[in-house]
Amino acid sequence: MDRREQVLGIIYAALESLNAELSEDRQVEIGPTTALFSPDAALDSLSLVSVIIDVETALTMEWDAPISLTDDRAMARAISPFDDVGTLTDYILELLAEVSPA
């Protein structure tokens, strides 16, 4: 399994965990284009924070390197890493390349 697939698996697992806590009518569709933080997103701010914490925890455990997804660098980007699953995956891969080269 390549690194992209591992990261996607971590994000999907966090979204599945969120879905387990949500009522059936509030379930989040899971895929690479799932909107995370936009007007079209199914996640509210509390749900997004929960997903981010789950993802950060799993990344730290998987690569034994503390990864922070909500630092100033993430917030200063023209395109938010939290737009959708794809942009979050790309951002995480950038961070991992810095702390744990492939």
PDB file of N, CA and C in Angstrom:
ATOM      1  N   MET A   1       0.860  -1.175   0.000  1.00  0.00           N
ATOM      2  CA  MET A   1       0.000   0.000   0.000  1.00  0.00           C
ATOM      3  C   MET A   1       0.902   1.232   0.000  1.00  0.00           C
ATOM      4  N   ASP A   2       0.632   2.168  -0.913  1.00  0.00           N
ATOM      5  CA  ASP A   2       1.457   3.365  -0.941  1.00  0.00           C
ATOM      6  C   ASP A   2       0.967   4.382   0.093  1.00  0.00           C
ATOM      7  N   ARG A   3       1.767   5.414   0.261  1.00  0.00           N
ATOM      8  CA  ARG A   3       1.506   6.403   1.308  1.00  0.00           C
ATOM      9  C   ARG A   3       0.162   7.100   1.107  1.00  0.00           C
ATOM     10  N   ARG A   4      -0.183   7.439  -0.135  1.00  0.00           N
ATOM     11  CA  ARG A   4      -1.467   8.093  -0.410  1.00  0.00           C
ATOM     12  C   ARG A   4      -2.622   7.209   0.056  1.00  0.00           C
ATOM     13  N   GLU A   5      -2.556   5.934  -0.265  1.00  0.00           N
ATOM     14  CA  GLU A   5      -3.613   5.016   0.157  1.00  0.00           C
ATOM     15  C   GLU A   5      -3.682   4.913   1.678  1.00  0.00           C
ATOM     16  N   GLN A   6      -2.527   4.917   2.334  1.00  0.00           N
ATOM     17  CA  GLN A   6      -2.518   4.870   3.802  1.00  0.00           C
ATOM     18  C   GLN A   6      -3.191   6.111   4.380  1.00  0.00           C
ATOM     19  N   VAL A   7      -2.858   7.284   3.835  1.00  0.00           N
ATOM     20  CA  VAL A   7      -3.441   8.533   4.336  1.00  0.00           C
ATOM     21  C   VAL A   7      -4.944   8.551   4.082  1.00  0.00           C
ATOM     22  N   LEU A   8      -5.355   8.162   2.884  1.00  0.00           N
ATOM     23  CA  LEU A   8      -6.790   8.100   2.598  1.00  0.00           C
ATOM     24  C   LEU A   8      -7.489   7.153   3.566  1.00  0.00           C
ATOM     25  N   GLY A   9      -6.879   6.023   3.855  1.00  0.00           N
ATOM     26  CA  GLY A   9      -7.466   5.073   4.803  1.00  0.00           C
ATOM     27  C   GLY A   9      -7.648   5.681   6.184  1.00  0.00           C
ATOM     28  N   ILE A  10      -6.677   6.472   6.605  1.00  0.00           N
ATOM     29  CA  ILE A  10      -6.766   7.139   7.909  1.00  0.00           C
ATOM     30  C   ILE A  10      -7.899   8.153   7.920  1.00  0.00           C
ATOM     31  N   ILE A  11      -8.007   8.944   6.854  1.00  0.00           N
ATOM     32  CA  ILE A  11      -9.082   9.938   6.783  1.00  0.00           C
ATOM     33  C   ILE A  11     -10.439   9.250   6.713  1.00  0.00           C
ATOM     34  N   TYR A  12     -10.540   8.211   5.890  1.00  0.00           N
ATOM     35  CA  TYR A  12     -11.808   7.477   5.782  1.00  0.00           C
ATOM     36  C   TYR A  12     -12.200   6.858   7.124  1.00  0.00           C
ATOM     37  N   ALA A  13     -11.232   6.321   7.850  1.00  0.00           N
ATOM     38  CA  ALA A  13     -11.526   5.728   9.158  1.00  0.00           C
ATOM     39  C   ALA A  13     -12.055   6.785  10.128  1.00  0.00           C
ATOM     40  N   ALA A  14     -11.476   7.990  10.073  1.00  0.00           N
ATOM     41  CA  ALA A  14     -11.956   9.075  10.938  1.00  0.00           C
ATOM     42  C   ALA A  14     -13.387   9.460  10.569  1.00  0.00           C
ATOM     43  N   LEU A  15     -13.682   9.486   9.276  1.00  0.00           N
ATOM     44  CA  LEU A  15     -15.047   9.814   8.839  1.00  0.00           C
ATOM     45  C   LEU A  15     -16.019   8.692   9.201  1.00  0.00           C
ATOM     46  N   GLU A  16     -15.577   7.444   9.102  1.00  0.00           N
ATOM     47  CA  GLU A  16     -16.422   6.319   9.510  1.00  0.00           C
ATOM     48  C   GLU A  16     -16.714   6.377  11.010  1.00  0.00           C
ATOM     49  N   SER A  17     -15.716   6.760  11.787  1.00  0.00           N
ATOM     50  CA  SER A  17     -15.907   6.909  13.229  1.00  0.00           C
ATOM     51  C   SER A  17     -16.930   8.007  13.513  1.00  0.00           C
ATOM     52  N   LEU A  18     -16.836   9.097  12.765  1.00  0.00           N
ATOM     53  CA  LEU A  18     -17.813  10.175  12.909  1.00  0.00           C
ATOM     54  C   LEU A  18     -19.204   9.671  12.559  1.00  0.00           C
ATOM     55  N   ASN A  19     -19.328   8.949  11.450  1.00  0.00           N
ATOM     56  CA  ASN A  19     -20.632   8.425  11.040  1.00  0.00           C
ATOM     57  C   ASN A  19     -21.237   7.516  12.096  1.00  0.00           C
ATOM     58  N   ALA A  20     -20.402   6.784  12.813  1.00  0.00           N
ATOM     59  CA  ALA A  20     -20.902   5.894  13.867  1.00  0.00           C
ATOM     60  C   ALA A  20     -21.582   6.675  14.986  1.00  0.00           C
ATOM     61  N   GLU A  21     -21.211   7.945  15.123  1.00  0.00           N
ATOM     62  CA  GLU A  21     -21.788   8.787  16.177  1.00  0.00           C
ATOM     63  C   GLU A  21     -22.992   9.594  15.696  1.00  0.00           C
ATOM     64  N   LEU A  22     -23.176   9.666  14.376  1.00  0.00           N
ATOM     65  CA  LEU A  22     -24.246  10.488  13.803  1.00  0.00           C
ATOM     66  C   LEU A  22     -25.499   9.664  13.538  1.00  0.00           C
ATOM     67  N   SER A  23     -26.631  10.339  13.553  1.00  0.00           N
ATOM     68  CA  SER A  23     -27.874   9.665  13.190  1.00  0.00           C
ATOM     69  C   SER A  23     -27.825   9.320  11.700  1.00  0.00           C
ATOM     70  N   GLU A  24     -28.661   8.386  11.303  1.00  0.00           N
ATOM     71  CA  GLU A  24     -28.635   7.897   9.923  1.00  0.00           C
ATOM     72  C   GLU A  24     -28.878   9.013   8.908  1.00  0.00           C
ATOM     73  N   ASP A  25     -29.706   9.980   9.245  1.00  0.00           N
ATOM     74  CA  ASP A  25     -30.008  11.061   8.299  1.00  0.00           C
ATOM     75  C   ASP A  25     -28.904  12.118   8.225  1.00  0.00           C
ATOM     76  N   ARG A  26     -27.889  12.021   9.073  1.00  0.00           N
ATOM     77  CA  ARG A  26     -26.780  12.993   9.057  1.00  0.00           C
ATOM     78  C   ARG A  26     -25.466  12.356   8.615  1.00  0.00           C
ATOM     79  N   GLN A  27     -25.502  11.113   8.131  1.00  0.00           N
ATOM     80  CA  GLN A  27     -24.301  10.401   7.718  1.00  0.00           C
ATOM     81  C   GLN A  27     -23.549  11.174   6.635  1.00  0.00           C
ATOM     82  N   VAL A  28     -22.236  11.134   6.716  1.00  0.00           N
ATOM     83  CA  VAL A  28     -21.360  11.800   5.762  1.00  0.00           C
ATOM     84  C   VAL A  28     -20.972  10.794   4.693  1.00  0.00           C
ATOM     85  N   GLU A  29     -21.155  11.159   3.435  1.00  0.00           N
ATOM     86  CA  GLU A  29     -20.711  10.309   2.338  1.00  0.00           C
ATOM     87  C   GLU A  29     -19.185  10.344   2.323  1.00  0.00           C
ATOM     88  N   ILE A  30     -18.563   9.187   2.178  1.00  0.00           N
ATOM     89  CA  ILE A  30     -17.108   9.107   2.274  1.00  0.00           C
ATOM     90  C   ILE A  30     -16.498   8.809   0.917  1.00  0.00           C
ATOM     91  N   GLY A  31     -15.593   9.695   0.509  1.00  0.00           N
ATOM     92  CA  GLY A  31     -14.885   9.540  -0.756  1.00  0.00           C
ATOM     93  C   GLY A  31     -13.884  10.662  -0.919  1.00  0.00           C
ATOM     94  N   PRO A  32     -13.082  10.646  -1.982  1.00  0.00           N
ATOM     95  CA  PRO A  32     -12.040  11.655  -2.161  1.00  0.00           C
ATOM     96  C   PRO A  32     -12.569  13.075  -2.365  1.00  0.00           C
ATOM     97  N   THR A  33     -13.825  13.205  -2.791  1.00  0.00           N
ATOM     98  CA  THR A  33     -14.388  14.544  -3.008  1.00  0.00           C
ATOM     99  C   THR A  33     -15.315  14.977  -1.880  1.00  0.00           C
ATOM    100  N   THR A  34     -15.339  14.221  -0.791  1.00  0.00           N
ATOM    101  CA  THR A  34     -16.176  14.588   0.354  1.00  0.00           C
ATOM    102  C   THR A  34     -15.769  15.963   0.866  1.00  0.00           C
ATOM    103  N   ALA A  35     -16.706  16.898   0.852  1.00  0.00           N
ATOM    104  CA  ALA A  35     -16.440  18.256   1.342  1.00  0.00           C
ATOM    105  C   ALA A  35     -16.319  18.223   2.859  1.00  0.00           C
ATOM    106  N   LEU A  36     -15.247  18.837   3.363  1.00  0.00           N
ATOM    107  CA  LEU A  36     -15.014  18.865   4.813  1.00  0.00           C
ATOM    108  C   LEU A  36     -15.341  20.217   5.423  1.00  0.00           C
ATOM    109  N   PHE A  37     -14.921  21.277   4.766  1.00  0.00           N
ATOM    110  CA  PHE A  37     -15.136  22.617   5.313  1.00  0.00           C
ATOM    111  C   PHE A  37     -15.431  23.561   4.153  1.00  0.00           C
ATOM    112  N   SER A  38     -16.682  23.679   3.834  1.00  0.00           N
ATOM    113  CA  SER A  38     -17.138  24.550   2.761  1.00  0.00           C
ATOM    114  C   SER A  38     -18.641  24.717   2.933  1.00  0.00           C
ATOM    115  N   PRO A  39     -19.232  25.603   2.164  1.00  0.00           N
ATOM    116  CA  PRO A  39     -20.694  25.739   2.275  1.00  0.00           C
ATOM    117  C   PRO A  39     -21.443  24.443   1.971  1.00  0.00           C
ATOM    118  N   ASP A  40     -20.826  23.546   1.183  1.00  0.00           N
ATOM    119  CA  ASP A  40     -21.475  22.290   0.812  1.00  0.00           C
ATOM    120  C   ASP A  40     -21.159  21.143   1.768  1.00  0.00           C
ATOM    121  N   ALA A  41     -20.336  21.392   2.763  1.00  0.00           N
ATOM    122  CA  ALA A  41     -19.887  20.322   3.656  1.00  0.00           C
ATOM    123  C   ALA A  41     -21.021  19.820   4.542  1.00  0.00           C
ATOM    124  N   ALA A  42     -21.016  18.511   4.752  1.00  0.00           N
ATOM    125  CA  ALA A  42     -21.988  17.903   5.654  1.00  0.00           C
ATOM    126  C   ALA A  42     -21.531  17.988   7.101  1.00  0.00           C
ATOM    127  N   LEU A  43     -20.262  18.325   7.317  1.00  0.00           N
ATOM    128  CA  LEU A  43     -19.702  18.392   8.664  1.00  0.00           C
ATOM    129  C   LEU A  43     -19.919  19.778   9.261  1.00  0.00           C
ATOM    130  N   ASP A  44     -20.301  19.814  10.521  1.00  0.00           N
ATOM    131  CA  ASP A  44     -20.302  21.085  11.229  1.00  0.00           C
ATOM    132  C   ASP A  44     -18.910  21.273  11.827  1.00  0.00           C
ATOM    133  N   SER A  45     -18.668  22.409  12.454  1.00  0.00           N
ATOM    134  CA  SER A  45     -17.322  22.706  12.948  1.00  0.00           C
ATOM    135  C   SER A  45     -16.865  21.711  14.009  1.00  0.00           C
ATOM    136  N   LEU A  46     -17.748  21.279  14.879  1.00  0.00           N
ATOM    137  CA  LEU A  46     -17.388  20.312  15.914  1.00  0.00           C
ATOM    138  C   LEU A  46     -17.021  18.958  15.301  1.00  0.00           C
ATOM    139  N   SER A  47     -17.760  18.545  14.285  1.00  0.00           N
ATOM    140  CA  SER A  47     -17.455  17.290  13.596  1.00  0.00           C
ATOM    141  C   SER A  47     -16.111  17.372  12.889  1.00  0.00           C
ATOM    142  N   LEU A  48     -15.820  18.518  12.282  1.00  0.00           N
ATOM    143  CA  LEU A  48     -14.530  18.686  11.609  1.00  0.00           C
ATOM    144  C   LEU A  48     -13.384  18.597  12.609  1.00  0.00           C
ATOM    145  N   VAL A  49     -13.535  19.234  13.748  1.00  0.00           N
ATOM    146  CA  VAL A  49     -12.497  19.166  14.787  1.00  0.00           C
ATOM    147  C   VAL A  49     -12.290  17.718  15.228  1.00  0.00           C
ATOM    148  N   SER A  50     -13.354  16.979  15.404  1.00  0.00           N
ATOM    149  CA  SER A  50     -13.257  15.573  15.800  1.00  0.00           C
ATOM    150  C   SER A  50     -12.495  14.765  14.755  1.00  0.00           C
ATOM    151  N   VAL A  51     -12.793  14.977  13.484  1.00  0.00           N
ATOM    152  CA  VAL A  51     -12.108  14.265  12.407  1.00  0.00           C
ATOM    153  C   VAL A  51     -10.629  14.637  12.385  1.00  0.00           C
ATOM    154  N   ILE A  52     -10.322  15.922  12.524  1.00  0.00           N
ATOM    155  CA  ILE A  52      -8.927  16.366  12.511  1.00  0.00           C
ATOM    156  C   ILE A  52      -8.137  15.724  13.649  1.00  0.00           C
ATOM    157  N   ILE A  53      -8.718  15.684  14.833  1.00  0.00           N
ATOM    158  CA  ILE A  53      -8.031  15.069  15.981  1.00  0.00           C
ATOM    159  C   ILE A  53      -7.790  13.589  15.726  1.00  0.00           C
ATOM    160  N   ASP A  54      -8.796  12.899  15.208  1.00  0.00           N
ATOM    161  CA  ASP A  54      -8.629  11.471  14.909  1.00  0.00           C
ATOM    162  C   ASP A  54      -7.536  11.250  13.864  1.00  0.00           C
ATOM    163  N   VAL A  55      -7.509  12.088  12.844  1.00  0.00           N
ATOM    164  CA  VAL A  55      -6.508  11.951  11.787  1.00  0.00           C
ATOM    165  C   VAL A  55      -5.115  12.247  12.335  1.00  0.00           C
ATOM    166  N   GLU A  56      -4.967  13.332  13.094  1.00  0.00           N
ATOM    167  CA  GLU A  56      -3.661  13.667  13.678  1.00  0.00           C
ATOM    168  C   GLU A  56      -3.142  12.538  14.571  1.00  0.00           C
ATOM    169  N   THR A  57      -4.016  11.984  15.373  1.00  0.00           N
ATOM    170  CA  THR A  57      -3.628  10.898  16.269  1.00  0.00           C
ATOM    171  C   THR A  57      -3.160   9.679  15.475  1.00  0.00           C
ATOM    172  N   ALA A  58      -3.923   9.312  14.450  1.00  0.00           N
ATOM    173  CA  ALA A  58      -3.564   8.145  13.643  1.00  0.00           C
ATOM    174  C   ALA A  58      -2.263   8.380  12.875  1.00  0.00           C
ATOM    175  N   LEU A  59      -2.067   9.587  12.364  1.00  0.00           N
ATOM    176  CA  LEU A  59      -0.824   9.899  11.640  1.00  0.00           C
ATOM    177  C   LEU A  59       0.379   9.794  12.568  1.00  0.00           C
ATOM    178  N   THR A  60       0.231  10.336  13.761  1.00  0.00           N
ATOM    179  CA  THR A  60       1.321  10.291  14.733  1.00  0.00           C
ATOM    180  C   THR A  60       1.659   8.847  15.098  1.00  0.00           C
ATOM    181  N   MET A  61       0.649   8.022  15.259  1.00  0.00           N
ATOM    182  CA  MET A  61       0.883   6.623  15.598  1.00  0.00           C
ATOM    183  C   MET A  61       1.514   5.868  14.418  1.00  0.00           C
ATOM    184  N   GLU A  62       1.048   6.142  13.221  1.00  0.00           N
ATOM    185  CA  GLU A  62       1.527   5.420  12.034  1.00  0.00           C
ATOM    186  C   GLU A  62       2.966   5.778  11.679  1.00  0.00           C
ATOM    187  N   TRP A  63       3.312   7.065  11.772  1.00  0.00           N
ATOM    188  CA  TRP A  63       4.638   7.508  11.336  1.00  0.00           C
ATOM    189  C   TRP A  63       5.527   7.955  12.495  1.00  0.00           C
ATOM    190  N   ASP A  64       5.065   7.797  13.713  1.00  0.00           N
ATOM    191  CA  ASP A  64       5.855   8.139  14.893  1.00  0.00           C
ATOM    192  C   ASP A  64       6.442   9.553  14.804  1.00  0.00           C
ATOM    193  N   ALA A  65       5.615  10.462  14.302  1.00  0.00           N
ATOM    194  CA  ALA A  65       6.020  11.866  14.186  1.00  0.00           C
ATOM    195  C   ALA A  65       4.781  12.717  14.450  1.00  0.00           C
ATOM    196  N   PRO A  66       4.893  13.684  15.355  1.00  0.00           N
ATOM    197  CA  PRO A  66       3.732  14.533  15.632  1.00  0.00           C
ATOM    198  C   PRO A  66       3.378  15.385  14.408  1.00  0.00           C
ATOM    199  N   ILE A  67       2.156  15.279  13.979  1.00  0.00           N
ATOM    200  CA  ILE A  67       1.671  16.027  12.815  1.00  0.00           C
ATOM    201  C   ILE A  67       0.554  16.948  13.292  1.00  0.00           C
ATOM    202  N   SER A  68       0.690  18.250  13.014  1.00  0.00           N
ATOM    203  CA  SER A  68      -0.357  19.214  13.333  1.00  0.00           C
ATOM    204  C   SER A  68      -0.961  19.712  12.030  1.00  0.00           C
ATOM    205  N   LEU A  69      -2.247  19.499  11.875  1.00  0.00           N
ATOM    206  CA  LEU A  69      -2.925  19.905  10.654  1.00  0.00           C
ATOM    207  C   LEU A  69      -3.480  21.322  10.712  1.00  0.00           C
ATOM    208  N   THR A  70      -3.499  21.911  11.893  1.00  0.00           N
ATOM    209  CA  THR A  70      -4.145  23.219  12.048  1.00  0.00           C
ATOM    210  C   THR A  70      -3.165  24.319  12.426  1.00  0.00           C
ATOM    211  N   ASP A  71      -1.971  24.255  11.894  1.00  0.00           N
ATOM    212  CA  ASP A  71      -0.994  25.288  12.206  1.00  0.00           C
ATOM    213  C   ASP A  71      -1.208  26.507  11.309  1.00  0.00           C
ATOM    214  N   ASP A  72      -0.403  27.545  11.523  1.00  0.00           N
ATOM    215  CA  ASP A  72      -0.536  28.780  10.748  1.00  0.00           C
ATOM    216  C   ASP A  72      -0.358  28.542   9.260  1.00  0.00           C
ATOM    217  N   ARG A  73       0.513  27.634   8.923  1.00  0.00           N
ATOM    218  CA  ARG A  73       0.769  27.340   7.512  1.00  0.00           C
ATOM    219  C   ARG A  73      -0.494  26.825   6.818  1.00  0.00           C
ATOM    220  N   ALA A  74      -1.221  25.964   7.480  1.00  0.00           N
ATOM    221  CA  ALA A  74      -2.461  25.433   6.900  1.00  0.00           C
ATOM    222  C   ALA A  74      -3.493  26.537   6.722  1.00  0.00           C
ATOM    223  N   MET A  75      -3.570  27.404   7.705  1.00  0.00           N
ATOM    224  CA  MET A  75      -4.580  28.464   7.663  1.00  0.00           C
ATOM    225  C   MET A  75      -4.250  29.572   6.664  1.00  0.00           C
ATOM    226  N   ALA A  76      -2.982  29.687   6.302  1.00  0.00           N
ATOM    227  CA  ALA A  76      -2.561  30.762   5.399  1.00  0.00           C
ATOM    228  C   ALA A  76      -2.656  30.380   3.925  1.00  0.00           C
ATOM    229  N   ARG A  77      -2.994  29.155   3.623  1.00  0.00           N
ATOM    230  CA  ARG A  77      -3.046  28.700   2.238  1.00  0.00           C
ATOM    231  C   ARG A  77      -4.217  29.325   1.485  1.00  0.00           C
ATOM    232  N   ALA A  78      -3.987  29.589   0.209  1.00  0.00           N
ATOM    233  CA  ALA A  78      -5.051  30.131  -0.640  1.00  0.00           C
ATOM    234  C   ALA A  78      -6.198  29.125  -0.756  1.00  0.00           C
ATOM    235  N   ILE A  79      -5.853  27.854  -0.905  1.00  0.00           N
ATOM    236  CA  ILE A  79      -6.854  26.787  -0.921  1.00  0.00           C
ATOM    237  C   ILE A  79      -6.698  26.013   0.381  1.00  0.00           C
ATOM    238  N   SER A  80      -7.734  26.007   1.160  1.00  0.00           N
ATOM    239  CA  SER A  80      -7.687  25.347   2.467  1.00  0.00           C
ATOM    240  C   SER A  80      -7.447  23.856   2.321  1.00  0.00           C
ATOM    241  N   PRO A  81      -6.579  23.284   3.156  1.00  0.00           N
ATOM    242  CA  PRO A  81      -6.402  21.842   3.126  1.00  0.00           C
ATOM    243  C   PRO A  81      -7.652  21.095   3.598  1.00  0.00           C
ATOM    244  N   PHE A  82      -8.614  21.819   4.109  1.00  0.00           N
ATOM    245  CA  PHE A  82      -9.824  21.196   4.630  1.00  0.00           C
ATOM    246  C   PHE A  82     -11.020  21.333   3.683  1.00  0.00           C
ATOM    247  N   ASP A  83     -10.777  21.746   2.443  1.00  0.00           N
ATOM    248  CA  ASP A  83     -11.876  21.842   1.476  1.00  0.00           C
ATOM    249  C   ASP A  83     -12.561  20.495   1.285  1.00  0.00           C
ATOM    250  N   ASP A  84     -11.750  19.472   1.022  1.00  0.00           N
ATOM    251  CA  ASP A  84     -12.305  18.138   0.832  1.00  0.00           C
ATOM    252  C   ASP A  84     -11.246  17.096   1.183  1.00  0.00           C
ATOM    253  N   VAL A  85     -11.612  15.853   1.094  1.00  0.00           N
ATOM    254  CA  VAL A  85     -10.700  14.771   1.459  1.00  0.00           C
ATOM    255  C   VAL A  85      -9.443  14.804   0.595  1.00  0.00           C
ATOM    256  N   GLY A  86      -9.586  15.124  -0.685  1.00  0.00           N
ATOM    257  CA  GLY A  86      -8.439  15.173  -1.585  1.00  0.00           C
ATOM    258  C   GLY A  86      -7.426  16.234  -1.201  1.00  0.00           C
ATOM    259  N   THR A  87      -7.892  17.447  -0.880  1.00  0.00           N
ATOM    260  CA  THR A  87      -6.953  18.511  -0.493  1.00  0.00           C
ATOM    261  C   THR A  87      -6.306  18.200   0.850  1.00  0.00           C
ATOM    262  N   LEU A  88      -7.052  17.573   1.758  1.00  0.00           N
ATOM    263  CA  LEU A  88      -6.471  17.184   3.041  1.00  0.00           C
ATOM    264  C   LEU A  88      -5.410  16.106   2.839  1.00  0.00           C
ATOM    265  N   THR A  89      -5.677  15.164   1.971  1.00  0.00           N
ATOM    266  CA  THR A  89      -4.701  14.105   1.671  1.00  0.00           C
ATOM    267  C   THR A  89      -3.417  14.708   1.115  1.00  0.00           C
ATOM    268  N   ASP A  90      -3.547  15.618   0.161  1.00  0.00           N
ATOM    269  CA  ASP A  90      -2.372  16.262  -0.438  1.00  0.00           C
ATOM    270  C   ASP A  90      -1.560  17.011   0.622  1.00  0.00           C
ATOM    271  N   TYR A  91      -2.244  17.727   1.504  1.00  0.00           N
ATOM    272  CA  TYR A  91      -1.558  18.491   2.545  1.00  0.00           C
ATOM    273  C   TYR A  91      -0.822  17.558   3.514  1.00  0.00           C
ATOM    274  N   ILE A  92      -1.477  16.487   3.895  1.00  0.00           N
ATOM    275  CA  ILE A  92      -0.841  15.526   4.804  1.00  0.00           C
ATOM    276  C   ILE A  92       0.392  14.914   4.147  1.00  0.00           C
ATOM    277  N   LEU A  93       0.310  14.594   2.877  1.00  0.00           N
ATOM    278  CA  LEU A  93       1.462  14.028   2.176  1.00  0.00           C
ATOM    279  C   LEU A  93       2.629  15.009   2.150  1.00  0.00           C
ATOM    280  N   GLU A  94       2.342  16.298   2.001  1.00  0.00           N
ATOM    281  CA  GLU A  94       3.399  17.322   2.081  1.00  0.00           C
ATOM    282  C   GLU A  94       4.057  17.308   3.455  1.00  0.00           C
ATOM    283  N   LEU A  95       3.237  17.287   4.498  1.00  0.00           N
ATOM    284  CA  LEU A  95       3.777  17.287   5.861  1.00  0.00           C
ATOM    285  C   LEU A  95       4.596  16.029   6.139  1.00  0.00           C
ATOM    286  N   LEU A  96       4.096  14.899   5.694  1.00  0.00           N
ATOM    287  CA  LEU A  96       4.819  13.647   5.916  1.00  0.00           C
ATOM    288  C   LEU A  96       6.155  13.628   5.189  1.00  0.00           C
ATOM    289  N   ALA A  97       6.201  14.223   4.011  1.00  0.00           N
ATOM    290  CA  ALA A  97       7.469  14.284   3.267  1.00  0.00           C
ATOM    291  C   ALA A  97       8.529  15.061   4.038  1.00  0.00           C
ATOM    292  N   GLU A  98       8.090  16.016   4.840  1.00  0.00           N
ATOM    293  CA  GLU A  98       9.021  16.825   5.634  1.00  0.00           C
ATOM    294  C   GLU A  98       9.525  16.072   6.863  1.00  0.00           C
ATOM    295  N   VAL A  99       8.655  15.296   7.497  1.00  0.00           N
ATOM    296  CA  VAL A  99       9.041  14.647   8.756  1.00  0.00           C
ATOM    297  C   VAL A  99       9.440  13.187   8.599  1.00  0.00           C
ATOM    298  N   SER A 100       9.012  12.565   7.510  1.00  0.00           N
ATOM    299  CA  SER A 100       9.299  11.153   7.312  1.00  0.00           C
ATOM    300  C   SER A 100       9.410  10.861   5.822  1.00  0.00           C
ATOM    301  N   PRO A 101      10.551  11.219   5.213  1.00  0.00           N
ATOM    302  CA  PRO A 101      10.697  10.994   3.774  1.00  0.00           C
ATOM    303  C   PRO A 101      10.474   9.525   3.415  1.00  0.00           C
ATOM    304  N   ALA A 102       9.845   9.314   2.275  1.00  0.00           N
ATOM    305  CA  ALA A 102       9.515   7.940   1.835  1.00  0.00           C
ATOM    306  C   ALA A 102      10.756   7.120   1.576  1.00  0.00           C
TER     307      ALA A 102
END
